[in-house]
């Protein structure tokens, strides 16, 4: 059985949601954040992931980290339940996951740092705003980021949009994203993941 290492509400929530959506047998193990180093079950988490970051999937002898890669791994294991597995569909998924990881996720990270200078916050908020506009434009008539059904990209974007609420960002410029967040958030697998992580 695969193991997913997560921190509640971190980007690993996307992998938790995706694994539940796919119905994959997975053992979720919570990583505890500590100033001296993250731990799991009281042990040094860097023995599992040398960077001490989440998400991490351990599947037999294979260890995979980085949110976009973990999500694609889950999608590959899901036998088409989480997106188009054709060549063109896979490339579109990789493009979207990388956009979310490098443009949206990476832009939001500094806002969680308590040592971020106050004058820097508006600069990051402006950058995030442009990325949210681009993401909103990617949502097709189907209501999803990639193709006509829920995919791992939607699990990731839902998680990132949740961070916007946590950061108290004004989301009124993107009404479509508000609707998207509510719709994705009402899915049974999403509700289950939130409950299992103590977020609902």
N, C-alpha and C. Protein backbone atom coordinates (compact mmCIF):
# COMPACT_ATOMS: atom_id res chain seq x y z
N UNK A 1 0.84 -1.19 0.00
CA UNK A 1 0.00 0.00 0.00
C UNK A 1 0.88 1.25 0.00
N UNK A 2 0.51 2.22 -0.83
CA UNK A 2 1.25 3.47 -0.87
C UNK A 2 1.08 4.24 0.43
N UNK A 3 2.10 5.03 0.76
CA UNK A 3 2.03 5.91 1.91
C UNK A 3 2.16 7.35 1.42
N UNK A 4 1.29 8.21 1.93
CA UNK A 4 1.34 9.64 1.62
C UNK A 4 1.69 10.38 2.89
N UNK A 5 2.76 11.13 2.85
CA UNK A 5 3.18 11.96 3.98
C UNK A 5 2.67 13.38 3.73
N UNK A 6 1.97 13.92 4.73
CA UNK A 6 1.30 15.20 4.54
C UNK A 6 1.39 16.06 5.80
N UNK A 7 1.18 17.35 5.60
CA UNK A 7 0.97 18.31 6.67
C UNK A 7 -0.41 18.91 6.41
N UNK A 8 -1.29 18.95 7.40
CA UNK A 8 -2.64 19.47 7.17
C UNK A 8 -2.63 20.85 6.51
N UNK A 9 -3.45 20.98 5.46
CA UNK A 9 -3.66 22.22 4.71
C UNK A 9 -2.47 22.61 3.82
N UNK A 10 -1.40 21.85 3.84
CA UNK A 10 -0.27 22.13 2.95
C UNK A 10 -0.62 21.65 1.53
N UNK A 11 0.30 21.81 0.60
CA UNK A 11 0.03 21.39 -0.78
C UNK A 11 -0.21 19.89 -0.87
N UNK A 12 0.19 19.16 0.14
CA UNK A 12 -0.06 17.71 0.17
C UNK A 12 -1.55 17.39 0.25
N UNK A 13 -2.38 18.37 0.63
CA UNK A 13 -3.83 18.16 0.63
C UNK A 13 -4.30 17.75 -0.77
N UNK A 14 -3.70 18.32 -1.80
CA UNK A 14 -4.09 17.98 -3.17
C UNK A 14 -3.87 16.49 -3.45
N UNK A 15 -2.76 15.95 -3.00
CA UNK A 15 -2.48 14.52 -3.20
C UNK A 15 -3.45 13.67 -2.39
N UNK A 16 -3.79 14.12 -1.21
CA UNK A 16 -4.75 13.41 -0.36
C UNK A 16 -6.11 13.35 -1.08
N UNK A 17 -6.56 14.50 -1.59
CA UNK A 17 -7.82 14.56 -2.33
C UNK A 17 -7.77 13.65 -3.54
N UNK A 18 -6.70 13.75 -4.32
CA UNK A 18 -6.59 12.98 -5.56
C UNK A 18 -6.61 11.48 -5.30
N UNK A 19 -5.92 11.04 -4.26
CA UNK A 19 -5.90 9.60 -3.96
C UNK A 19 -7.28 9.11 -3.56
N UNK A 20 -8.04 9.92 -2.83
CA UNK A 20 -9.41 9.54 -2.47
C UNK A 20 -10.32 9.54 -3.69
N UNK A 21 -10.17 10.54 -4.55
CA UNK A 21 -10.97 10.59 -5.78
C UNK A 21 -10.74 9.35 -6.63
N UNK A 22 -9.49 8.90 -6.67
CA UNK A 22 -9.14 7.74 -7.50
C UNK A 22 -9.50 6.42 -6.84
N UNK A 23 -9.79 6.46 -5.55
CA UNK A 23 -10.08 5.23 -4.82
C UNK A 23 -8.85 4.37 -4.61
N UNK A 24 -7.68 5.01 -4.56
CA UNK A 24 -6.43 4.27 -4.39
C UNK A 24 -6.23 3.89 -2.93
N UNK A 25 -5.79 2.67 -2.67
CA UNK A 25 -5.47 2.31 -1.28
C UNK A 25 -4.21 3.05 -0.85
N UNK A 26 -4.34 3.86 0.17
CA UNK A 26 -3.22 4.70 0.58
C UNK A 26 -3.27 4.90 2.09
N UNK A 27 -2.11 4.89 2.70
CA UNK A 27 -1.99 5.14 4.14
C UNK A 27 -1.45 6.55 4.30
N UNK A 28 -2.25 7.44 4.86
CA UNK A 28 -1.84 8.83 5.06
C UNK A 28 -1.16 8.98 6.41
N UNK A 29 0.05 9.54 6.38
CA UNK A 29 0.83 9.71 7.61
C UNK A 29 1.16 11.19 7.79
N UNK A 30 0.73 11.74 8.92
CA UNK A 30 0.92 13.16 9.17
C UNK A 30 2.34 13.47 9.63
N UNK A 31 2.91 14.49 9.02
CA UNK A 31 4.23 14.99 9.38
C UNK A 31 4.02 16.16 10.33
N UNK A 32 4.72 16.15 11.44
CA UNK A 32 4.60 17.23 12.41
C UNK A 32 5.72 18.24 12.18
N UNK A 33 5.32 19.51 12.10
CA UNK A 33 6.28 20.58 11.88
C UNK A 33 6.92 20.96 13.21
N UNK A 34 8.25 20.97 13.23
CA UNK A 34 9.00 21.33 14.43
C UNK A 34 10.16 22.24 14.03
N UNK A 35 10.49 23.24 14.86
CA UNK A 35 11.62 24.11 14.55
C UNK A 35 12.92 23.34 14.35
N UNK A 36 13.08 22.25 15.08
CA UNK A 36 14.32 21.47 14.98
C UNK A 36 14.31 20.51 13.79
N UNK A 37 13.19 20.40 13.12
CA UNK A 37 13.08 19.48 11.98
C UNK A 37 11.76 18.72 12.04
N UNK A 38 11.17 18.53 10.89
CA UNK A 38 9.88 17.83 10.82
C UNK A 38 10.03 16.37 11.21
N UNK A 39 8.99 15.86 11.87
CA UNK A 39 9.02 14.47 12.33
C UNK A 39 7.76 13.74 11.88
N UNK A 40 7.86 12.43 11.84
CA UNK A 40 6.70 11.58 11.60
C UNK A 40 6.80 10.44 12.60
N UNK A 41 5.73 10.24 13.34
CA UNK A 41 5.71 9.22 14.41
C UNK A 41 6.89 9.39 15.35
N UNK A 42 7.30 10.64 15.59
CA UNK A 42 8.39 10.93 16.51
C UNK A 42 9.78 10.78 15.92
N UNK A 43 9.88 10.26 14.69
CA UNK A 43 11.18 10.07 14.06
C UNK A 43 11.52 11.17 13.07
N UNK A 44 12.75 11.22 12.67
CA UNK A 44 13.27 12.23 11.75
C UNK A 44 12.69 12.01 10.35
N UNK A 45 11.86 12.94 9.90
CA UNK A 45 11.21 12.81 8.59
C UNK A 45 12.20 12.88 7.43
N UNK A 46 13.36 13.52 7.65
CA UNK A 46 14.33 13.62 6.55
C UNK A 46 14.91 12.25 6.17
N UNK A 47 14.67 11.23 6.99
CA UNK A 47 15.08 9.88 6.60
C UNK A 47 14.16 9.33 5.51
N UNK A 48 12.98 9.92 5.38
CA UNK A 48 12.04 9.54 4.33
C UNK A 48 12.19 10.48 3.14
N UNK A 49 12.16 11.79 3.41
CA UNK A 49 12.36 12.80 2.38
C UNK A 49 13.49 13.71 2.86
N UNK A 50 14.66 13.64 2.23
CA UNK A 50 15.82 14.40 2.70
C UNK A 50 15.58 15.90 2.83
N UNK A 51 14.64 16.46 2.06
CA UNK A 51 14.35 17.88 2.17
C UNK A 51 13.38 18.19 3.30
N UNK A 52 12.73 17.17 3.82
CA UNK A 52 11.77 17.38 4.91
C UNK A 52 10.47 18.02 4.48
N UNK A 53 10.18 17.97 3.17
CA UNK A 53 9.00 18.63 2.62
C UNK A 53 7.89 17.64 2.32
N UNK A 54 6.68 18.16 2.17
CA UNK A 54 5.53 17.36 1.74
C UNK A 54 5.00 17.96 0.43
N UNK A 55 4.30 17.15 -0.36
CA UNK A 55 3.95 15.75 -0.14
C UNK A 55 5.10 14.82 -0.52
N UNK A 56 5.05 13.64 0.06
CA UNK A 56 5.93 12.55 -0.35
C UNK A 56 5.06 11.30 -0.45
N UNK A 57 5.27 10.57 -1.53
CA UNK A 57 4.62 9.26 -1.71
C UNK A 57 5.71 8.21 -1.63
N UNK A 58 5.47 7.18 -0.84
CA UNK A 58 6.34 6.01 -0.83
C UNK A 58 5.50 4.85 -1.32
N UNK A 59 5.96 4.25 -2.41
CA UNK A 59 5.24 3.13 -3.03
C UNK A 59 6.26 2.01 -3.23
N UNK A 60 6.30 1.08 -2.29
CA UNK A 60 7.32 0.04 -2.34
C UNK A 60 8.68 0.66 -2.11
N UNK A 61 9.59 0.46 -3.07
CA UNK A 61 10.94 1.01 -2.97
C UNK A 61 11.04 2.40 -3.60
N UNK A 62 9.94 2.93 -4.08
CA UNK A 62 9.94 4.21 -4.78
C UNK A 62 9.50 5.34 -3.86
N UNK A 63 10.31 6.41 -3.81
CA UNK A 63 9.96 7.61 -3.07
C UNK A 63 9.83 8.75 -4.07
N UNK A 64 8.68 9.44 -4.03
CA UNK A 64 8.43 10.53 -4.97
C UNK A 64 8.03 11.76 -4.16
N UNK A 65 8.60 12.90 -4.52
CA UNK A 65 8.23 14.15 -3.87
C UNK A 65 7.97 15.22 -4.93
N UNK A 66 7.65 16.41 -4.48
CA UNK A 66 7.25 17.56 -5.29
C UNK A 66 5.80 17.40 -5.72
N UNK A 67 4.98 18.38 -5.37
CA UNK A 67 3.53 18.28 -5.54
C UNK A 67 3.11 17.90 -6.95
N UNK A 68 3.64 18.57 -7.96
CA UNK A 68 3.21 18.30 -9.34
C UNK A 68 3.55 16.87 -9.76
N UNK A 69 4.70 16.37 -9.34
CA UNK A 69 5.12 15.02 -9.72
C UNK A 69 4.31 13.98 -8.96
N UNK A 70 4.09 14.22 -7.67
CA UNK A 70 3.26 13.31 -6.87
C UNK A 70 1.86 13.21 -7.48
N UNK A 71 1.31 14.35 -7.87
CA UNK A 71 -0.04 14.35 -8.45
C UNK A 71 -0.08 13.61 -9.78
N UNK A 72 0.93 13.78 -10.62
CA UNK A 72 0.95 13.04 -11.88
C UNK A 72 1.10 11.55 -11.62
N UNK A 73 1.87 11.20 -10.62
CA UNK A 73 2.03 9.78 -10.25
C UNK A 73 0.68 9.19 -9.85
N UNK A 74 -0.06 9.93 -9.03
CA UNK A 74 -1.39 9.47 -8.62
C UNK A 74 -2.30 9.35 -9.84
N UNK A 75 -2.25 10.34 -10.73
CA UNK A 75 -3.08 10.29 -11.94
C UNK A 75 -2.75 9.06 -12.77
N UNK A 76 -1.47 8.74 -12.88
CA UNK A 76 -1.06 7.56 -13.65
C UNK A 76 -1.57 6.28 -13.01
N UNK A 77 -1.63 6.25 -11.68
CA UNK A 77 -2.12 5.06 -10.97
C UNK A 77 -3.64 4.93 -11.04
N UNK A 78 -4.32 6.02 -11.41
CA UNK A 78 -5.79 6.07 -11.34
C UNK A 78 -6.49 5.51 -12.56
N UNK A 79 -5.74 5.00 -13.54
CA UNK A 79 -6.34 4.37 -14.72
C UNK A 79 -7.39 5.25 -15.41
N UNK A 80 -7.06 6.51 -15.61
CA UNK A 80 -7.95 7.40 -16.35
C UNK A 80 -9.05 8.05 -15.53
N UNK A 81 -9.14 7.76 -14.24
CA UNK A 81 -10.19 8.36 -13.41
C UNK A 81 -9.92 9.84 -13.12
N UNK A 82 -8.68 10.26 -13.29
CA UNK A 82 -8.32 11.64 -12.94
C UNK A 82 -7.75 12.41 -14.12
N UNK A 83 -8.22 12.08 -15.31
CA UNK A 83 -7.79 12.84 -16.47
C UNK A 83 -7.49 11.98 -17.67
N UNK A 84 -7.38 12.64 -18.79
CA UNK A 84 -7.10 12.01 -20.08
C UNK A 84 -5.69 11.41 -20.05
N UNK A 85 -5.59 10.13 -20.34
CA UNK A 85 -4.28 9.47 -20.30
C UNK A 85 -3.63 9.36 -21.68
N UNK A 86 -4.28 9.95 -22.69
CA UNK A 86 -3.67 9.96 -24.02
C UNK A 86 -2.43 10.85 -23.99
N UNK A 87 -1.63 10.75 -25.03
CA UNK A 87 -0.40 11.54 -25.08
C UNK A 87 -0.69 13.03 -24.98
N UNK A 88 -1.64 13.53 -25.78
CA UNK A 88 -1.94 14.97 -25.76
C UNK A 88 -2.54 15.38 -24.42
N UNK A 89 -3.39 14.52 -23.85
CA UNK A 89 -3.98 14.82 -22.56
C UNK A 89 -2.94 14.88 -21.46
N UNK A 90 -1.97 13.99 -21.52
CA UNK A 90 -0.91 13.96 -20.51
C UNK A 90 -0.07 15.23 -20.57
N UNK A 91 0.26 15.68 -21.78
CA UNK A 91 1.07 16.89 -21.90
C UNK A 91 0.31 18.11 -21.38
N UNK A 92 -0.99 18.17 -21.66
CA UNK A 92 -1.79 19.29 -21.16
C UNK A 92 -1.84 19.26 -19.63
N UNK A 93 -1.95 18.06 -19.07
CA UNK A 93 -1.96 17.93 -17.61
C UNK A 93 -0.62 18.39 -17.02
N UNK A 94 0.48 17.95 -17.61
CA UNK A 94 1.80 18.35 -17.11
C UNK A 94 1.99 19.86 -17.20
N UNK A 95 1.52 20.44 -18.30
CA UNK A 95 1.61 21.90 -18.45
C UNK A 95 0.84 22.61 -17.33
N UNK A 96 -0.36 22.14 -17.05
CA UNK A 96 -1.20 22.77 -16.03
C UNK A 96 -0.63 22.58 -14.64
N UNK A 97 -0.17 21.37 -14.33
CA UNK A 97 0.44 21.12 -13.02
C UNK A 97 1.68 21.99 -12.81
N UNK A 98 2.48 22.13 -13.84
CA UNK A 98 3.68 22.96 -13.72
C UNK A 98 3.33 24.44 -13.60
N UNK A 99 2.30 24.88 -14.30
CA UNK A 99 1.82 26.26 -14.14
C UNK A 99 1.40 26.50 -12.69
N UNK A 100 0.64 25.57 -12.13
CA UNK A 100 0.18 25.72 -10.74
C UNK A 100 1.36 25.72 -9.77
N UNK A 101 2.33 24.84 -10.01
CA UNK A 101 3.48 24.71 -9.09
C UNK A 101 4.41 25.91 -9.17
N UNK A 102 4.75 26.32 -10.39
CA UNK A 102 5.78 27.35 -10.54
C UNK A 102 5.25 28.77 -10.58
N UNK A 103 4.03 28.95 -11.02
CA UNK A 103 3.49 30.30 -11.13
C UNK A 103 2.55 30.67 -9.99
N UNK A 104 1.68 29.76 -9.58
CA UNK A 104 0.71 30.08 -8.52
C UNK A 104 1.29 29.73 -7.14
N UNK A 105 1.63 28.47 -6.94
CA UNK A 105 2.13 28.00 -5.64
C UNK A 105 3.37 28.80 -5.22
N UNK A 106 4.33 28.88 -6.09
CA UNK A 106 5.59 29.55 -5.74
C UNK A 106 5.38 31.03 -5.43
N UNK A 107 4.42 31.66 -6.09
CA UNK A 107 4.14 33.08 -5.83
C UNK A 107 3.49 33.28 -4.47
N UNK A 108 2.74 32.28 -4.00
CA UNK A 108 2.03 32.41 -2.73
C UNK A 108 2.92 32.12 -1.52
N UNK A 109 3.90 31.29 -1.69
CA UNK A 109 4.74 30.85 -0.57
C UNK A 109 5.28 31.96 0.30
N UNK A 110 5.84 33.04 -0.28
CA UNK A 110 6.41 34.10 0.56
C UNK A 110 5.41 34.74 1.52
N UNK A 111 4.12 34.73 1.17
CA UNK A 111 3.13 35.38 2.03
C UNK A 111 2.92 34.63 3.35
N UNK A 112 3.40 33.41 3.43
CA UNK A 112 3.30 32.64 4.67
C UNK A 112 4.48 32.90 5.60
N UNK A 113 5.48 33.61 5.12
CA UNK A 113 6.69 33.85 5.92
C UNK A 113 6.48 35.04 6.86
N UNK A 114 6.66 34.82 8.16
CA UNK A 114 6.49 35.94 9.10
C UNK A 114 7.54 37.03 8.93
N UNK A 115 8.69 36.68 8.31
CA UNK A 115 9.75 37.67 8.14
C UNK A 115 9.66 38.42 6.81
N UNK A 116 8.56 38.24 6.07
CA UNK A 116 8.39 38.96 4.81
C UNK A 116 8.22 40.45 5.11
N UNK A 117 9.07 41.31 4.54
CA UNK A 117 8.93 42.75 4.79
C UNK A 117 7.54 43.24 4.33
N UNK A 118 6.95 44.12 5.11
CA UNK A 118 5.59 44.61 4.82
C UNK A 118 5.50 45.21 3.43
N UNK A 119 6.56 45.87 2.98
CA UNK A 119 6.52 46.51 1.67
C UNK A 119 6.56 45.50 0.52
N UNK A 120 6.94 44.27 0.81
CA UNK A 120 7.00 43.23 -0.23
C UNK A 120 5.64 42.58 -0.47
N UNK A 121 4.78 42.59 0.53
CA UNK A 121 3.49 41.90 0.40
C UNK A 121 2.68 42.37 -0.81
N UNK A 122 2.51 43.69 -1.04
CA UNK A 122 1.73 44.12 -2.21
C UNK A 122 2.32 43.64 -3.54
N UNK A 123 3.63 43.52 -3.60
CA UNK A 123 4.26 43.04 -4.83
C UNK A 123 3.87 41.59 -5.11
N UNK A 124 3.89 40.76 -4.06
CA UNK A 124 3.50 39.36 -4.24
C UNK A 124 2.00 39.24 -4.51
N UNK A 125 1.20 40.08 -3.86
CA UNK A 125 -0.24 40.03 -4.10
C UNK A 125 -0.56 40.40 -5.55
N UNK A 126 0.17 41.36 -6.11
CA UNK A 126 -0.03 41.75 -7.51
C UNK A 126 0.35 40.59 -8.43
N UNK A 127 1.45 39.94 -8.12
CA UNK A 127 1.89 38.79 -8.92
C UNK A 127 0.86 37.66 -8.85
N UNK A 128 0.38 37.38 -7.64
CA UNK A 128 -0.63 36.32 -7.47
C UNK A 128 -1.90 36.68 -8.23
N UNK A 129 -2.29 37.95 -8.20
CA UNK A 129 -3.50 38.38 -8.91
C UNK A 129 -3.40 38.06 -10.39
N UNK A 130 -2.25 38.33 -10.99
CA UNK A 130 -2.10 38.03 -12.42
C UNK A 130 -2.16 36.53 -12.68
N UNK A 131 -1.63 35.73 -11.75
CA UNK A 131 -1.66 34.28 -11.91
C UNK A 131 -3.08 33.73 -11.72
N UNK A 132 -3.84 34.32 -10.79
CA UNK A 132 -5.22 33.88 -10.59
C UNK A 132 -6.07 34.21 -11.81
N UNK A 133 -5.81 35.36 -12.43
CA UNK A 133 -6.53 35.71 -13.65
C UNK A 133 -6.22 34.70 -14.75
N UNK A 134 -4.95 34.35 -14.88
CA UNK A 134 -4.57 33.35 -15.89
C UNK A 134 -5.21 32.00 -15.60
N UNK A 135 -5.25 31.62 -14.32
CA UNK A 135 -5.86 30.34 -13.95
C UNK A 135 -7.36 30.36 -14.21
N UNK A 136 -8.00 31.47 -13.87
CA UNK A 136 -9.45 31.57 -14.11
C UNK A 136 -9.75 31.41 -15.59
N UNK A 137 -8.89 31.98 -16.43
CA UNK A 137 -9.08 31.87 -17.88
C UNK A 137 -8.88 30.45 -18.40
N UNK A 138 -8.20 29.62 -17.63
CA UNK A 138 -7.99 28.22 -18.03
C UNK A 138 -9.20 27.34 -17.75
N UNK A 139 -10.08 27.79 -16.87
CA UNK A 139 -11.26 26.98 -16.54
C UNK A 139 -12.20 27.00 -17.74
N UNK A 140 -12.39 25.84 -18.32
CA UNK A 140 -13.21 25.75 -19.53
C UNK A 140 -14.69 25.72 -19.23
N UNK A 141 -15.48 25.55 -20.28
CA UNK A 141 -16.94 25.50 -20.14
C UNK A 141 -17.37 24.31 -19.28
N UNK A 142 -16.50 23.31 -19.17
CA UNK A 142 -16.80 22.14 -18.33
C UNK A 142 -16.72 22.48 -16.84
N UNK A 143 -16.05 23.60 -16.53
CA UNK A 143 -15.88 23.98 -15.14
C UNK A 143 -14.63 23.41 -14.49
N UNK A 144 -13.76 22.80 -15.30
CA UNK A 144 -12.53 22.20 -14.78
C UNK A 144 -11.31 22.79 -15.49
N UNK A 145 -10.14 22.61 -14.90
CA UNK A 145 -8.92 23.17 -15.47
C UNK A 145 -8.44 22.45 -16.72
N UNK A 146 -8.57 21.12 -16.72
CA UNK A 146 -8.07 20.33 -17.85
C UNK A 146 -9.17 19.36 -18.29
N UNK A 147 -9.61 19.48 -19.52
CA UNK A 147 -10.60 18.54 -20.03
C UNK A 147 -11.99 18.75 -19.47
N UNK A 148 -12.77 17.68 -19.50
CA UNK A 148 -14.19 17.77 -19.15
C UNK A 148 -14.56 17.17 -17.81
N UNK A 149 -13.57 16.84 -16.99
CA UNK A 149 -13.88 16.24 -15.70
C UNK A 149 -12.81 16.61 -14.68
N UNK A 150 -13.08 16.28 -13.43
CA UNK A 150 -12.16 16.55 -12.33
C UNK A 150 -10.84 15.82 -12.56
N UNK A 151 -9.73 16.53 -12.34
CA UNK A 151 -8.40 15.93 -12.48
C UNK A 151 -7.55 16.32 -11.27
N UNK A 152 -6.34 15.80 -11.24
CA UNK A 152 -5.40 16.16 -10.17
C UNK A 152 -5.11 17.66 -10.18
N UNK A 153 -5.20 18.30 -11.34
CA UNK A 153 -4.99 19.75 -11.40
C UNK A 153 -6.04 20.49 -10.59
N UNK A 154 -7.27 20.00 -10.61
CA UNK A 154 -8.33 20.63 -9.82
C UNK A 154 -8.09 20.43 -8.32
N UNK A 155 -7.58 19.28 -7.94
CA UNK A 155 -7.24 19.04 -6.53
C UNK A 155 -6.17 20.03 -6.07
N UNK A 156 -5.19 20.27 -6.92
CA UNK A 156 -4.10 21.20 -6.60
C UNK A 156 -4.63 22.63 -6.52
N UNK A 157 -5.40 23.04 -7.53
CA UNK A 157 -5.87 24.42 -7.55
C UNK A 157 -6.84 24.70 -6.40
N UNK A 158 -7.67 23.73 -6.07
CA UNK A 158 -8.56 23.89 -4.91
C UNK A 158 -7.74 24.17 -3.66
N UNK A 159 -6.66 23.44 -3.47
CA UNK A 159 -5.80 23.63 -2.30
C UNK A 159 -5.21 25.03 -2.29
N UNK A 160 -4.72 25.48 -3.43
CA UNK A 160 -4.11 26.82 -3.51
C UNK A 160 -5.14 27.91 -3.28
N UNK A 161 -6.35 27.74 -3.80
CA UNK A 161 -7.40 28.73 -3.56
C UNK A 161 -7.77 28.78 -2.08
N UNK A 162 -7.71 27.65 -1.41
CA UNK A 162 -7.93 27.65 0.04
C UNK A 162 -6.91 28.51 0.76
N UNK A 163 -5.69 28.51 0.26
CA UNK A 163 -4.66 29.36 0.85
C UNK A 163 -5.03 30.84 0.69
N UNK A 164 -5.62 31.19 -0.44
CA UNK A 164 -6.04 32.59 -0.66
C UNK A 164 -6.99 33.03 0.44
N UNK A 165 -7.92 32.16 0.80
CA UNK A 165 -8.85 32.49 1.88
C UNK A 165 -8.11 32.62 3.21
N UNK A 166 -7.18 31.71 3.47
CA UNK A 166 -6.39 31.76 4.71
C UNK A 166 -5.60 33.06 4.80
N UNK A 167 -5.07 33.50 3.66
CA UNK A 167 -4.27 34.72 3.60
C UNK A 167 -5.13 35.98 3.54
N UNK A 168 -6.45 35.80 3.58
CA UNK A 168 -7.41 36.90 3.56
C UNK A 168 -7.27 37.78 2.32
N UNK A 169 -7.04 37.13 1.19
CA UNK A 169 -6.96 37.87 -0.06
C UNK A 169 -8.36 38.21 -0.54
N UNK A 170 -8.51 39.37 -1.13
CA UNK A 170 -9.79 39.79 -1.71
C UNK A 170 -9.98 39.02 -3.01
N UNK A 171 -10.95 38.11 -3.02
CA UNK A 171 -11.17 37.27 -4.20
C UNK A 171 -12.30 37.80 -5.09
N UNK A 172 -12.84 38.98 -4.76
CA UNK A 172 -13.97 39.51 -5.53
C UNK A 172 -13.66 39.74 -7.02
N UNK A 173 -12.39 40.01 -7.41
CA UNK A 173 -12.14 40.16 -8.84
C UNK A 173 -12.31 38.87 -9.65
N UNK A 174 -12.43 37.73 -8.96
CA UNK A 174 -12.51 36.44 -9.65
C UNK A 174 -13.75 35.66 -9.21
N UNK A 175 -14.94 36.13 -9.56
CA UNK A 175 -16.16 35.42 -9.12
C UNK A 175 -16.23 33.98 -9.61
N UNK A 176 -15.66 33.73 -10.77
CA UNK A 176 -15.66 32.36 -11.30
C UNK A 176 -14.86 31.42 -10.39
N UNK A 177 -13.80 31.96 -9.77
CA UNK A 177 -12.98 31.15 -8.87
C UNK A 177 -13.72 30.86 -7.57
N UNK A 178 -14.54 31.80 -7.12
CA UNK A 178 -15.34 31.56 -5.92
C UNK A 178 -16.32 30.42 -6.15
N UNK A 179 -16.95 30.41 -7.32
CA UNK A 179 -17.90 29.34 -7.66
C UNK A 179 -17.16 28.02 -7.79
N UNK A 180 -15.99 28.07 -8.42
CA UNK A 180 -15.17 26.87 -8.62
C UNK A 180 -14.77 26.28 -7.26
N UNK A 181 -14.33 27.12 -6.34
CA UNK A 181 -13.90 26.66 -5.02
C UNK A 181 -15.04 25.97 -4.28
N UNK A 182 -16.23 26.56 -4.34
CA UNK A 182 -17.39 25.95 -3.67
C UNK A 182 -17.77 24.62 -4.32
N UNK A 183 -17.76 24.58 -5.65
CA UNK A 183 -18.17 23.37 -6.35
C UNK A 183 -17.19 22.23 -6.10
N UNK A 184 -15.90 22.51 -6.24
CA UNK A 184 -14.90 21.47 -6.00
C UNK A 184 -14.92 21.06 -4.52
N UNK A 185 -15.09 22.05 -3.64
CA UNK A 185 -15.11 21.77 -2.21
C UNK A 185 -16.27 20.92 -1.75
N UNK A 186 -17.31 20.83 -2.56
CA UNK A 186 -18.48 20.02 -2.18
C UNK A 186 -18.34 18.56 -2.58
N UNK A 187 -17.30 18.22 -3.31
CA UNK A 187 -17.12 16.83 -3.73
C UNK A 187 -16.86 15.94 -2.51
N UNK A 188 -17.45 14.74 -2.48
CA UNK A 188 -17.29 13.87 -1.31
C UNK A 188 -15.83 13.57 -0.95
N UNK A 189 -14.98 13.34 -1.94
CA UNK A 189 -13.57 13.04 -1.65
C UNK A 189 -12.87 14.25 -1.04
N UNK A 190 -13.23 15.44 -1.50
CA UNK A 190 -12.64 16.66 -0.94
C UNK A 190 -13.08 16.82 0.50
N UNK A 191 -14.36 16.63 0.75
CA UNK A 191 -14.88 16.73 2.11
C UNK A 191 -14.21 15.70 3.03
N UNK A 192 -14.01 14.50 2.51
CA UNK A 192 -13.37 13.45 3.32
C UNK A 192 -11.92 13.82 3.65
N UNK A 193 -11.18 14.32 2.65
CA UNK A 193 -9.78 14.70 2.89
C UNK A 193 -9.71 15.83 3.91
N UNK A 194 -10.58 16.82 3.78
CA UNK A 194 -10.59 17.94 4.73
C UNK A 194 -10.88 17.43 6.15
N UNK A 195 -11.82 16.52 6.25
CA UNK A 195 -12.17 15.97 7.56
C UNK A 195 -11.00 15.18 8.14
N UNK A 196 -10.36 14.34 7.31
CA UNK A 196 -9.25 13.52 7.79
C UNK A 196 -8.05 14.37 8.22
N UNK A 197 -7.92 15.58 7.65
CA UNK A 197 -6.81 16.45 8.03
C UNK A 197 -7.21 17.44 9.13
N UNK A 198 -8.43 17.30 9.64
CA UNK A 198 -8.88 18.17 10.72
C UNK A 198 -9.21 19.58 10.26
N UNK A 199 -9.60 19.72 8.99
CA UNK A 199 -9.87 21.04 8.41
C UNK A 199 -11.35 21.30 8.22
N UNK A 200 -12.20 20.34 8.54
CA UNK A 200 -13.65 20.51 8.38
C UNK A 200 -14.38 19.84 9.53
